[in-house]
PDB file of N, CA and C in Angstrom:
ATOM      1  N   MET A   1      37.228 -51.032-129.521  1.00  0.00           N
ATOM      2  CA  MET A   1      37.383 -50.458-130.617  1.00  0.00           C
ATOM      3  C   MET A   1      39.086 -50.390-130.497  1.00  0.00           C
ATOM      4  N   MET A   2      39.636 -51.235-130.693  1.00  0.00           N
ATOM      5  CA  MET A   2      40.999 -51.447-131.282  1.00  0.00           C
ATOM      6  C   MET A   2      41.073 -51.633-133.110  1.00  0.00           C
ATOM      7  N   SER A   3      39.698 -51.494-133.582  1.00  0.00           N
ATOM      8  CA  SER A   3      39.388 -51.826-135.134  1.00  0.00           C
ATOM      9  C   SER A   3      39.657 -51.029-135.749  1.00  0.00           C
ATOM     10  N   GLY A   4      39.348 -49.392-134.457  1.00  0.00           N
ATOM     11  CA  GLY A   4      39.820 -48.454-135.538  1.00  0.00           C
ATOM     12  C   GLY A   4      38.279 -47.716-135.383  1.00  0.00           C
ATOM     13  N   PHE A   5      37.084 -48.968-134.663  1.00  0.00           N
ATOM     14  CA  PHE A   5      36.171 -47.731-134.929  1.00  0.00           C
ATOM     15  C   PHE A   5      35.306 -47.532-133.430  1.00  0.00           C
ATOM     16  N   ASP A   6      35.731 -45.802-132.844  1.00  0.00           N
ATOM     17  CA  ASP A   6      35.312 -45.610-131.838  1.00  0.00           C
ATOM     18  C   ASP A   6      33.924 -45.501-130.979  1.00  0.00           C
ATOM     19  N   THR A   7      32.837 -46.198-132.351  1.00  0.00           N
ATOM     20  CA  THR A   7      31.184 -46.409-131.649  1.00  0.00           C
ATOM     21  C   THR A   7      30.966 -47.244-133.116  1.00  0.00           C
ATOM     22  N   TYR A   8      30.089 -48.179-132.018  1.00  0.00           N
ATOM     23  CA  TYR A   8      29.417 -49.278-133.154  1.00  0.00           C
ATOM     24  C   TYR A   8      28.516 -49.352-131.859  1.00  0.00           C
ATOM     25  N   PHE A   9      27.034 -50.062-132.914  1.00  0.00           N
ATOM     26  CA  PHE A   9      25.669 -50.391-131.958  1.00  0.00           C
ATOM     27  C   PHE A   9      25.767 -51.531-132.841  1.00  0.00           C
ATOM     28  N   GLN A  10      24.857 -52.488-131.838  1.00  0.00           N
ATOM     29  CA  GLN A  10      24.556 -54.088-132.219  1.00  0.00           C
ATOM     30  C   GLN A  10      23.156 -54.133-131.402  1.00  0.00           C
ATOM     31  N   ILE A  11      22.093 -54.820-132.742  1.00  0.00           N
ATOM     32  CA  ILE A  11      20.787 -55.307-131.593  1.00  0.00           C
ATOM     33  C   ILE A  11      21.122 -56.471-131.828  1.00  0.00           C
ATOM     34  N   ALA A  12      20.782 -57.125-130.438  1.00  0.00           N
ATOM     35  CA  ALA A  12      21.078 -58.070-129.771  1.00  0.00           C
ATOM     36  C   ALA A  12      20.484 -58.947-128.869  1.00  0.00           C
ATOM     37  N   PRO A  13      20.258 -60.100-129.434  1.00  0.00           N
ATOM     38  CA  PRO A  13      19.204 -61.049-128.351  1.00  0.00           C
ATOM     39  C   PRO A  13      19.508 -60.807-126.617  1.00  0.00           C
ATOM     40  N   CYS A  14      18.320 -60.669-125.683  1.00  0.00           N
ATOM     41  CA  CYS A  14      19.006 -61.113-124.584  1.00  0.00           C
ATOM     42  C   CYS A  14      18.435 -61.989-123.800  1.00  0.00           C
ATOM     43  N   PHE A  15      18.894 -62.450-122.988  1.00  0.00           N
ATOM     44  CA  PHE A  15      17.945 -64.237-121.977  1.00  0.00           C
ATOM     45  C   PHE A  15      17.990 -63.895-120.946  1.00  0.00           C
ATOM     46  N   ARG A  16      17.236 -63.774-120.797  1.00  0.00           N
ATOM     47  CA  ARG A  16      17.087 -63.679-118.619  1.00  0.00           C
ATOM     48  C   ARG A  16      16.725 -65.229-118.171  1.00  0.00           C
ATOM     49  N   ASP A  17      17.848 -65.531-117.055  1.00  0.00           N
ATOM     50  CA  ASP A  17      18.110 -66.528-116.641  1.00  0.00           C
ATOM     51  C   ASP A  17      16.835 -66.366-114.998  1.00  0.00           C
ATOM     52  N   GLU A  18      15.782 -66.579-115.584  1.00  0.00           N
ATOM     53  CA  GLU A  18      15.040 -65.979-114.223  1.00  0.00           C
ATOM     54  C   GLU A  18      13.271 -67.468-114.412  1.00  0.00           C
ATOM     55  N   ASP A  19      12.783 -67.691-113.568  1.00  0.00           N
ATOM     56  CA  ASP A  19      11.857 -68.013-114.186  1.00  0.00           C
ATOM     57  C   ASP A  19      10.446 -67.435-114.730  1.00  0.00           C
ATOM     58  N   PRO A  20      10.040 -67.507-115.150  1.00  0.00           N
ATOM     59  CA  PRO A  20       8.878 -67.041-115.954  1.00  0.00           C
ATOM     60  C   PRO A  20       7.890 -66.873-114.712  1.00  0.00           C
ATOM     61  N   ARG A  21       7.417 -65.097-114.548  1.00  0.00           N
ATOM     62  CA  ARG A  21       6.383 -65.054-114.232  1.00  0.00           C
ATOM     63  C   ARG A  21       5.071 -63.992-114.507  1.00  0.00           C
ATOM     64  N   ALA A  22       3.944 -63.830-114.285  1.00  0.00           N
ATOM     65  CA  ALA A  22       3.501 -62.228-114.660  1.00  0.00           C
ATOM     66  C   ALA A  22       4.167 -61.098-114.308  1.00  0.00           C
ATOM     67  N   ASP A  23       4.560 -61.002-113.567  1.00  0.00           N
ATOM     68  CA  ASP A  23       4.773 -59.442-113.290  1.00  0.00           C
ATOM     69  C   ASP A  23       6.427 -59.445-113.902  1.00  0.00           C
ATOM     70  N   ARG A  24       6.824 -60.217-114.438  1.00  0.00           N
ATOM     71  CA  ARG A  24       8.368 -59.752-114.660  1.00  0.00           C
ATOM     72  C   ARG A  24       8.527 -59.729-116.719  1.00  0.00           C
ATOM     73  N   LEU A  25       9.555 -58.885-117.189  1.00  0.00           N
ATOM     74  CA  LEU A  25       9.344 -59.427-118.589  1.00  0.00           C
ATOM     75  C   LEU A  25       9.581 -60.277-119.183  1.00  0.00           C
ATOM     76  N   PRO A  26       9.458 -60.753-120.562  1.00  0.00           N
ATOM     77  CA  PRO A  26       9.427 -61.952-120.843  1.00  0.00           C
ATOM     78  C   PRO A  26      11.109 -62.059-120.381  1.00  0.00           C
ATOM     79  N   GLY A  27      11.235 -63.334-120.999  1.00  0.00           N
ATOM     80  CA  GLY A  27      12.562 -63.938-120.692  1.00  0.00           C
ATOM     81  C   GLY A  27      13.267 -63.961-121.752  1.00  0.00           C
ATOM     82  N   GLU A  28      13.117 -63.325-122.618  1.00  0.00           N
ATOM     83  CA  GLU A  28      13.316 -63.249-124.168  1.00  0.00           C
ATOM     84  C   GLU A  28      13.563 -61.926-124.989  1.00  0.00           C
ATOM     85  N   PHE A  29      14.401 -60.794-124.995  1.00  0.00           N
ATOM     86  CA  PHE A  29      13.362 -59.874-125.872  1.00  0.00           C
ATOM     87  C   PHE A  29      15.171 -59.198-126.185  1.00  0.00           C
ATOM     88  N   TYR A  30      14.956 -58.088-127.811  1.00  0.00           N
ATOM     89  CA  TYR A  30      15.696 -57.686-128.221  1.00  0.00           C
ATOM     90  C   TYR A  30      16.292 -56.266-127.151  1.00  0.00           C
ATOM     91  N   GLN A  31      17.878 -55.993-127.183  1.00  0.00           N
ATOM     92  CA  GLN A  31      18.079 -54.744-126.900  1.00  0.00           C
ATOM     93  C   GLN A  31      19.142 -54.189-127.547  1.00  0.00           C
ATOM     94  N   LEU A  32      19.321 -53.043-127.721  1.00  0.00           N
ATOM     95  CA  LEU A  32      20.000 -51.965-128.776  1.00  0.00           C
ATOM     96  C   LEU A  32      21.353 -51.632-127.796  1.00  0.00           C
ATOM     97  N   GLU A  33      22.682 -52.220-128.423  1.00  0.00           N
ATOM     98  CA  GLU A  33      23.832 -51.887-126.916  1.00  0.00           C
ATOM     99  C   GLU A  33      24.763 -50.959-128.492  1.00  0.00           C
ATOM    100  N   LEU A  34      25.499 -50.383-127.322  1.00  0.00           N
ATOM    101  CA  LEU A  34      26.112 -49.479-128.030  1.00  0.00           C
ATOM    102  C   LEU A  34      27.499 -49.305-126.893  1.00  0.00           C
ATOM    103  N   GLU A  35      28.688 -49.382-127.937  1.00  0.00           N
ATOM    104  CA  GLU A  35      29.753 -49.303-127.184  1.00  0.00           C
ATOM    105  C   GLU A  35      30.935 -48.032-127.932  1.00  0.00           C
ATOM    106  N   MET A  36      31.160 -46.512-127.050  1.00  0.00           N
ATOM    107  CA  MET A  36      31.396 -45.630-127.377  1.00  0.00           C
ATOM    108  C   MET A  36      32.639 -45.657-126.446  1.00  0.00           C
ATOM    109  N   SER A  37      33.815 -45.027-127.595  1.00  0.00           N
ATOM    110  CA  SER A  37      35.258 -44.436-126.678  1.00  0.00           C
ATOM    111  C   SER A  37      35.536 -43.217-126.333  1.00  0.00           C
ATOM    112  N   PHE A  38      35.559 -43.167-124.893  1.00  0.00           N
ATOM    113  CA  PHE A  38      36.096 -41.568-124.727  1.00  0.00           C
ATOM    114  C   PHE A  38      35.291 -40.485-124.854  1.00  0.00           C
ATOM    115  N   VAL A  39      33.724 -40.832-124.145  1.00  0.00           N
ATOM    116  CA  VAL A  39      32.692 -40.220-123.983  1.00  0.00           C
ATOM    117  C   VAL A  39      32.930 -39.579-122.862  1.00  0.00           C
ATOM    118  N   GLU A  40      32.154 -38.346-123.138  1.00  0.00           N
ATOM    119  CA  GLU A  40      31.282 -37.467-121.627  1.00  0.00           C
ATOM    120  C   GLU A  40      29.253 -38.072-122.081  1.00  0.00           C
ATOM    121  N   GLN A  41      28.909 -37.651-120.720  1.00  0.00           N
ATOM    122  CA  GLN A  41      27.399 -38.003-120.994  1.00  0.00           C
ATOM    123  C   GLN A  41      26.591 -37.379-122.106  1.00  0.00           C
ATOM    124  N   GLU A  42      27.124 -35.891-122.587  1.00  0.00           N
ATOM    125  CA  GLU A  42      26.974 -35.389-123.607  1.00  0.00           C
ATOM    126  C   GLU A  42      26.580 -36.187-124.858  1.00  0.00           C
ATOM    127  N   ASP A  43      27.648 -36.638-124.657  1.00  0.00           N
ATOM    128  CA  ASP A  43      28.157 -37.214-126.117  1.00  0.00           C
ATOM    129  C   ASP A  43      26.908 -38.756-126.428  1.00  0.00           C
ATOM    130  N   ILE A  44      26.500 -39.541-125.384  1.00  0.00           N
ATOM    131  CA  ILE A  44      25.933 -40.000-125.173  1.00  0.00           C
ATOM    132  C   ILE A  44      24.398 -39.831-125.784  1.00  0.00           C
ATOM    133  N   LEU A  45      24.419 -39.078-124.739  1.00  0.00           N
ATOM    134  CA  LEU A  45      22.497 -38.406-124.975  1.00  0.00           C
ATOM    135  C   LEU A  45      22.741 -37.663-126.514  1.00  0.00           C
ATOM    136  N   GLN A  46      23.327 -37.275-127.156  1.00  0.00           N
ATOM    137  CA  GLN A  46      23.433 -36.964-128.388  1.00  0.00           C
ATOM    138  C   GLN A  46      23.281 -38.199-129.572  1.00  0.00           C
ATOM    139  N   THR A  47      24.030 -38.757-129.058  1.00  0.00           N
ATOM    140  CA  THR A  47      23.828 -39.958-129.592  1.00  0.00           C
ATOM    141  C   THR A  47      22.381 -40.650-129.426  1.00  0.00           C
ATOM    142  N   MET A  48      21.781 -41.029-128.321  1.00  0.00           N
ATOM    143  CA  MET A  48      20.829 -41.763-128.415  1.00  0.00           C
ATOM    144  C   MET A  48      19.414 -41.143-128.623  1.00  0.00           C
ATOM    145  N   GLU A  49      18.961 -39.259-128.481  1.00  0.00           N
ATOM    146  CA  GLU A  49      18.284 -39.190-128.774  1.00  0.00           C
ATOM    147  C   GLU A  49      17.494 -39.312-130.377  1.00  0.00           C
ATOM    148  N   PRO A  50      18.780 -39.326-131.225  1.00  0.00           N
ATOM    149  CA  PRO A  50      17.657 -39.420-132.410  1.00  0.00           C
ATOM    150  C   PRO A  50      17.478 -40.094-132.846  1.00  0.00           C
ATOM    151  N   VAL A  51      17.910 -41.176-132.138  1.00  0.00           N
ATOM    152  CA  VAL A  51      17.715 -43.066-132.100  1.00  0.00           C
ATOM    153  C   VAL A  51      16.313 -43.249-131.524  1.00  0.00           C
ATOM    154  N   MET A  52      15.952 -42.817-130.311  1.00  0.00           N
ATOM    155  CA  MET A  52      15.054 -42.415-129.581  1.00  0.00           C
ATOM    156  C   MET A  52      13.296 -41.925-130.256  1.00  0.00           C
ATOM    157  N   ARG A  53      13.847 -40.933-130.968  1.00  0.00           N
ATOM    158  CA  ARG A  53      13.200 -40.568-131.092  1.00  0.00           C
ATOM    159  C   ARG A  53      12.458 -40.704-132.844  1.00  0.00           C
ATOM    160  N   GLY A  54      13.182 -41.289-133.655  1.00  0.00           N
ATOM    161  CA  GLY A  54      13.464 -42.383-134.264  1.00  0.00           C
ATOM    162  C   GLY A  54      12.081 -43.710-134.570  1.00  0.00           C
ATOM    163  N   VAL A  55      12.363 -44.202-133.100  1.00  0.00           N
ATOM    164  CA  VAL A  55      11.904 -45.250-132.665  1.00  0.00           C
ATOM    165  C   VAL A  55       9.965 -44.550-132.414  1.00  0.00           C
ATOM    166  N   PHE A  56       9.968 -43.769-131.509  1.00  0.00           N
ATOM    167  CA  PHE A  56       8.919 -43.001-131.098  1.00  0.00           C
ATOM    168  C   PHE A  56       8.230 -42.111-132.648  1.00  0.00           C
ATOM    169  N   GLU A  57       8.391 -42.194-133.620  1.00  0.00           N
ATOM    170  CA  GLU A  57       7.833 -41.072-134.725  1.00  0.00           C
ATOM    171  C   GLU A  57       7.717 -42.308-135.787  1.00  0.00           C
ATOM    172  N   ASP A  58       8.318 -43.644-135.457  1.00  0.00           N
ATOM    173  CA  ASP A  58       8.234 -44.689-136.375  1.00  0.00           C
ATOM    174  C   ASP A  58       6.439 -45.544-135.775  1.00  0.00           C
ATOM    175  N   PHE A  59       6.269 -45.288-134.385  1.00  0.00           N
ATOM    176  CA  PHE A  59       4.934 -46.101-133.673  1.00  0.00           C
ATOM    177  C   PHE A  59       4.149 -44.810-133.070  1.00  0.00           C
ATOM    178  N   ALA A  60       4.695 -43.776-133.075  1.00  0.00           N
ATOM    179  CA  ALA A  60       3.449 -42.832-132.709  1.00  0.00           C
ATOM    180  C   ALA A  60       2.106 -42.712-133.421  1.00  0.00           C
ATOM    181  N   GLU A  61       2.233 -43.159-134.846  1.00  0.00           N
ATOM    182  CA  GLU A  61       0.916 -43.201-135.443  1.00  0.00           C
ATOM    183  C   GLU A  61       0.535 -42.340-135.621  1.00  0.00           C
ATOM    184  N   GLY A  62       1.406 -41.068-136.178  1.00  0.00           N
ATOM    185  CA  GLY A  62       0.935 -39.780-136.251  1.00  0.00           C
ATOM    186  C   GLY A  62       0.789 -38.842-135.299  1.00  0.00           C
ATOM    187  N   LYS A  63       0.808 -39.287-134.357  1.00  0.00           N
ATOM    188  CA  LYS A  63       0.591 -37.962-133.237  1.00  0.00           C
ATOM    189  C   LYS A  63       2.252 -37.548-133.169  1.00  0.00           C
ATOM    190  N   PRO A  64       1.980 -36.774-132.434  1.00  0.00           N
ATOM    191  CA  PRO A  64       3.321 -35.863-132.265  1.00  0.00           C
ATOM    192  C   PRO A  64       4.097 -36.024-131.797  1.00  0.00           C
ATOM    193  N   VAL A  65       5.582 -36.118-131.591  1.00  0.00           N
ATOM    194  CA  VAL A  65       6.556 -36.263-131.482  1.00  0.00           C
ATOM    195  C   VAL A  65       7.601 -35.067-130.612  1.00  0.00           C
ATOM    196  N   SER A  66       8.340 -34.940-129.772  1.00  0.00           N
ATOM    197  CA  SER A  66       8.999 -33.557-129.435  1.00  0.00           C
ATOM    198  C   SER A  66       9.896 -34.210-130.161  1.00  0.00           C
ATOM    199  N   GLN A  67      10.373 -32.885-130.578  1.00  0.00           N
ATOM    200  CA  GLN A  67      11.821 -32.754-131.112  1.00  0.00           C
ATOM    201  C   GLN A  67      13.672 -32.673-130.452  1.00  0.00           C
ATOM    202  N   THR A  68      13.067 -32.459-129.122  1.00  0.00           N
ATOM    203  CA  THR A  68      13.920 -32.315-127.742  1.00  0.00           C
ATOM    204  C   THR A  68      13.342 -33.028-126.773  1.00  0.00           C
ATOM    205  N   PHE A  69      14.480 -33.538-125.631  1.00  0.00           N
ATOM    206  CA  PHE A  69      13.914 -34.433-124.734  1.00  0.00           C
ATOM    207  C   PHE A  69      14.390 -32.935-123.466  1.00  0.00           C
ATOM    208  N   ARG A  70      13.419 -33.520-122.456  1.00  0.00           N
ATOM    209  CA  ARG A  70      13.614 -32.488-121.461  1.00  0.00           C
ATOM    210  C   ARG A  70      14.711 -33.593-120.216  1.00  0.00           C
ATOM    211  N   ARG A  71      15.890 -32.413-120.302  1.00  0.00           N
ATOM    212  CA  ARG A  71      17.087 -32.897-119.435  1.00  0.00           C
ATOM    213  C   ARG A  71      16.849 -32.649-117.448  1.00  0.00           C
ATOM    214  N   ILE A  72      16.438 -33.657-117.150  1.00  0.00           N
ATOM    215  CA  ILE A  72      16.030 -33.713-116.182  1.00  0.00           C
ATOM    216  C   ILE A  72      17.591 -33.568-114.921  1.00  0.00           C
ATOM    217  N   PRO A  73      17.564 -32.891-113.437  1.00  0.00           N
ATOM    218  CA  PRO A  73      18.983 -33.322-112.979  1.00  0.00           C
ATOM    219  C   PRO A  73      19.207 -33.578-112.113  1.00  0.00           C
ATOM    220  N   HIS A  74      19.933 -34.637-111.913  1.00  0.00           N
ATOM    221  CA  HIS A  74      20.303 -35.565-110.322  1.00  0.00           C
ATOM    222  C   HIS A  74      19.665 -34.440-109.022  1.00  0.00           C
ATOM    223  N   ASP A  75      20.315 -33.602-109.023  1.00  0.00           N
ATOM    224  CA  ASP A  75      20.096 -32.964-107.626  1.00  0.00           C
ATOM    225  C   ASP A  75      18.241 -32.227-107.848  1.00  0.00           C
TER     226      ASP A  75
END
């Protein structure tokens, strides 16, 4: 964050150091990592919802995708 960027995204490989089994995820996959400075929960949700919506729209094969995500309270 010292470089002057308050937010950045990174697509990076993730490796699991476990024995491969049928009931587990693959040992190697890609993840979207984000770093954000001085944010609240709402900032993260507002940043990630358009990203997730775009992924759903790209793979929905013409099916409708909700433009808003329902928020489920913790309590």
